[in-house]
Amino acid sequence: MKTELVTTLKRQATKILAELHDSKEPVLITEHGQPSAYLIDVDDYEMMQNRMEILDGIAKGEAAILEERLYTQAQAKQKMSKWLK
């Protein structure tokens, strides 16, 4: 992963963005020697957001199982009937 100082980003934003789009490699931005932010490609960010939504759904399903909030197939069909028509 590439690392850049925040001052370099300020001075060379266009160049850094062009390299980011070409390489698709995230850039770690540092301030005063400490990590401050990641700069990532828009497509990669959107893909990560989609994955997080999927993982959130899986976690909710696992929690429902642990809490025994379960339905039979017939009960699920009945509850979802308004969307399945």
C-alpha atoms as a PDB file:
ATOM      1  CA  MET A   1       0.000   0.000   0.000  1.00  0.00           C
ATOM      2  CA  LYS A   2       1.215   3.445  -0.859  1.00  0.00           C
ATOM      3  CA  THR A   3       1.625   6.051   1.906  1.00  0.00           C
ATOM      4  CA  GLU A   4       1.566   9.808   1.373  1.00  0.00           C
ATOM      5  CA  LEU A   5       1.869  12.813   3.641  1.00  0.00           C
ATOM      6  CA  VAL A   6      -1.181  15.056   3.824  1.00  0.00           C
ATOM      7  CA  THR A   7       0.996  17.922   2.560  1.00  0.00           C
ATOM      8  CA  THR A   8       1.935  15.854  -0.501  1.00  0.00           C
ATOM      9  CA  LEU A   9      -1.753  15.181  -1.106  1.00  0.00           C
ATOM     10  CA  LYS A  10      -2.457  18.910  -0.955  1.00  0.00           C
ATOM     11  CA  ARG A  11       0.283  19.682  -3.471  1.00  0.00           C
ATOM     12  CA  GLN A  12      -0.113  16.711  -5.808  1.00  0.00           C
ATOM     13  CA  ALA A  13      -3.753  15.640  -5.512  1.00  0.00           C
ATOM     14  CA  THR A  14      -4.272  15.244  -9.261  1.00  0.00           C
ATOM     15  CA  LYS A  15      -1.174  13.048  -9.642  1.00  0.00           C
ATOM     16  CA  ILE A  16      -2.028  10.916  -6.593  1.00  0.00           C
ATOM     17  CA  LEU A  17      -5.608  10.428  -7.818  1.00  0.00           C
ATOM     18  CA  ALA A  18      -4.393   9.442 -11.287  1.00  0.00           C
ATOM     19  CA  GLU A  19      -2.055   6.850  -9.771  1.00  0.00           C
ATOM     20  CA  LEU A  20      -4.876   5.598  -7.546  1.00  0.00           C
ATOM     21  CA  HIS A  21      -7.189   5.098 -10.522  1.00  0.00           C
ATOM     22  CA  ASP A  22      -4.440   3.312 -12.489  1.00  0.00           C
ATOM     23  CA  SER A  23      -3.208   1.011  -9.726  1.00  0.00           C
ATOM     24  CA  LYS A  24      -6.458   0.593  -7.723  1.00  0.00           C
ATOM     25  CA  GLU A  25      -4.146   0.479  -4.685  1.00  0.00           C
ATOM     26  CA  PRO A  26      -5.384   2.373  -1.602  1.00  0.00           C
ATOM     27  CA  VAL A  27      -3.296   5.283  -0.360  1.00  0.00           C
ATOM     28  CA  LEU A  28      -2.724   5.812   3.356  1.00  0.00           C
ATOM     29  CA  ILE A  29      -2.642   9.512   4.195  1.00  0.00           C
ATOM     30  CA  THR A  30      -0.583  10.477   7.244  1.00  0.00           C
ATOM     31  CA  GLU A  31      -0.505  13.615   9.368  1.00  0.00           C
ATOM     32  CA  HIS A  32       2.385  14.268  11.728  1.00  0.00           C
ATOM     33  CA  GLY A  33       3.597  10.707  11.150  1.00  0.00           C
ATOM     34  CA  GLN A  34       0.280   9.155  12.171  1.00  0.00           C
ATOM     35  CA  PRO A  35      -2.280   7.425   9.927  1.00  0.00           C
ATOM     36  CA  SER A  36      -5.130   9.834   9.197  1.00  0.00           C
ATOM     37  CA  ALA A  37      -7.220   8.483   6.314  1.00  0.00           C
ATOM     38  CA  TYR A  38      -7.346   6.055   3.426  1.00  0.00           C
ATOM     39  CA  LEU A  39      -7.897   7.209  -0.113  1.00  0.00           C
ATOM     40  CA  ILE A  40      -9.578   4.496  -2.188  1.00  0.00           C
ATOM     41  CA  ASP A  41     -11.132   4.165  -5.625  1.00  0.00           C
ATOM     42  CA  VAL A  42     -14.892   4.828  -5.838  1.00  0.00           C
ATOM     43  CA  ASP A  43     -15.656   1.383  -7.292  1.00  0.00           C
ATOM     44  CA  ASP A  44     -13.701  -0.314  -4.505  1.00  0.00           C
ATOM     45  CA  TYR A  45     -15.496   1.769  -1.868  1.00  0.00           C
ATOM     46  CA  GLU A  46     -18.929   0.886  -3.280  1.00  0.00           C
ATOM     47  CA  MET A  47     -17.991  -2.807  -3.440  1.00  0.00           C
ATOM     48  CA  MET A  48     -16.900  -2.685   0.211  1.00  0.00           C
ATOM     49  CA  GLN A  49     -20.175  -0.995   1.193  1.00  0.00           C
ATOM     50  CA  ASN A  50     -22.153  -3.719  -0.595  1.00  0.00           C
ATOM     51  CA  ARG A  51     -20.150  -6.414   1.174  1.00  0.00           C
ATOM     52  CA  MET A  52     -20.771  -4.731   4.531  1.00  0.00           C
ATOM     53  CA  GLU A  53     -24.534  -4.768   3.867  1.00  0.00           C
ATOM     54  CA  ILE A  54     -24.377  -8.489   3.072  1.00  0.00           C
ATOM     55  CA  LEU A  55     -22.330  -9.214   6.202  1.00  0.00           C
ATOM     56  CA  ASP A  56     -24.750  -7.144   8.280  1.00  0.00           C
ATOM     57  CA  GLY A  57     -27.646  -9.229   6.949  1.00  0.00           C
ATOM     58  CA  ILE A  58     -25.813 -12.437   7.787  1.00  0.00           C
ATOM     59  CA  ALA A  59     -25.076 -11.172  11.323  1.00  0.00           C
ATOM     60  CA  LYS A  60     -28.753 -10.278  11.815  1.00  0.00           C
ATOM     61  CA  GLY A  61     -29.749 -13.748  10.628  1.00  0.00           C
ATOM     62  CA  GLU A  62     -27.306 -15.398  13.007  1.00  0.00           C
ATOM     63  CA  ALA A  63     -28.635 -13.281  15.888  1.00  0.00           C
ATOM     64  CA  ALA A  64     -32.196 -14.296  15.004  1.00  0.00           C
ATOM     65  CA  ILE A  65     -31.193 -17.960  15.108  1.00  0.00           C
ATOM     66  CA  LEU A  66     -29.497 -17.552  18.482  1.00  0.00           C
ATOM     67  CA  GLU A  67     -32.602 -15.783  19.825  1.00  0.00           C
ATOM     68  CA  GLU A  68     -34.780 -18.543  18.337  1.00  0.00           C
ATOM     69  CA  ARG A  69     -36.726 -16.091  16.197  1.00  0.00           C
ATOM     70  CA  LEU A  70     -37.378 -18.721  13.542  1.00  0.00           C
ATOM     71  CA  TYR A  71     -40.237 -19.422  11.136  1.00  0.00           C
ATOM     72  CA  THR A  72     -41.293 -22.533   9.285  1.00  0.00           C
ATOM     73  CA  GLN A  73     -41.350 -22.264   5.508  1.00  0.00           C
ATOM     74  CA  ALA A  74     -45.141 -21.918   5.566  1.00  0.00           C
ATOM     75  CA  GLN A  75     -44.983 -19.140   8.173  1.00  0.00           C
ATOM     76  CA  ALA A  76     -42.303 -17.318   6.184  1.00  0.00           C
ATOM     77  CA  LYS A  77     -44.352 -17.570   2.973  1.00  0.00           C
ATOM     78  CA  GLN A  78     -47.401 -16.206   4.775  1.00  0.00           C
ATOM     79  CA  LYS A  79     -45.430 -13.255   6.217  1.00  0.00           C
ATOM     80  CA  MET A  80     -43.873 -12.511   2.838  1.00  0.00           C
ATOM     81  CA  SER A  81     -46.990 -13.097   0.746  1.00  0.00           C
ATOM     82  CA  LYS A  82     -47.584  -9.374   0.172  1.00  0.00           C
ATOM     83  CA  TRP A  83     -44.141  -9.101  -1.487  1.00  0.00           C
ATOM     84  CA  LEU A  84     -44.313 -12.393  -3.408  1.00  0.00           C
ATOM     85  CA  LYS A  85     -47.472 -11.658  -5.412  1.00  0.00           C
END
